[in-house]
Amino acid sequence: MAVAQLGSFSLAAQQLHITQPSVTSRIQRLEDMLGVKLLIRTTRSIKVTPQGAQLLDEATATLQGLRDLVEKFRQQAESARQRVVVAATPMLAAMTLPPIIHSYSEHFPGVQIDLRDLRYEDALNSLMTGEADIAVLALEENDQRFDFQPIREDDMVLVVPSEHQLASRCEVSLDEISAFPILMLEQYEPMLVRISEALNRHELKLKRALSAGNLATLLGMLDAKMGITLLTRSMARRSQQAGHVVIELSGIRLTRAFGIVTRRNAKPGTTVQSFCRHLKQAMATPPAII
């Protein structure tokens, strides 16, 4: 299904977290078992055969039926236990969600809210497996697997060590940023693409980009003077307390939209809906730290 939907063995391998040869081998075994050709692979594209299209339709319908059944069971269990499982990326889980969960629990003491502190991809995967009811994060790219309800947008600003040569500036342009290594969280990859495209229009390139899996590692790299970084404004305010300097960007506006992510076509129970309403109101009201 992944190969047919994405039109690529390599992209399917990335989505499934396996190697490309493993994907190819599985397709070949399936074709041998069914006795029909499912895909036609050329040097430039992958085409689905009529038999492959028929199998894709049937498999999609079957999986959706299974997901609906799992969702029905999950809702029945939820109504009995009054429990909501929330997945969130580390900064949101540590700084934004605890007071919101506390205020909700004061209004609804009979509801148990389980908060899972997960990396970006793990938070999304927890929705697909049914381990989490909702995820609270910034969905970096349009993903057909999920529905996204944006709540609040936050501007990105530049953050540098206090001894950095840009530290005395109030604002900097992209061409000035391009002279220094950029430190980025892994899930900011789409934003890095935007920066690179903007620089390319001015015939400039990023000097180097280094990635970190979590905020603590990123700030450690910043303290070690390995480069400069981009953070949301609210997150950068906390970074200032660690002696870092926040600088405005000129010539480009970069933002991140934070909100609630659910599995596409999921039907959340009344308890989940109640918590989501409270979450929207609380996150939309400053000064939520995102």
Foldseek 3Di string as FASTA:
>chain_A
DLCAVVFDLCVSCVVVVHDSVVSVVVQVVVCVVVVHHQWDDDPPTIDGDPVNVVVVVVVVVVVVVVVVVVLVVVQVVCVVQQEAEEEEEQVCLVAFCPVLVVVVCVVVVSHHYHYHHDFPVVRVVCQVVVVGAKYWWFQLDDDPFKDWDFQDKFWKWKKAACPDPCQVAQEDELQVQQVWEEEEEPSCVVVVVVSQVVQVVVPGGRPHYHYDPGDVVSLVCRVVVRTMYMDTPLVVVVVVVVRMGIHGYPPDIDMTTITMMHGPPRDDHPSVVVSRVSSSVSCNDPPRRD
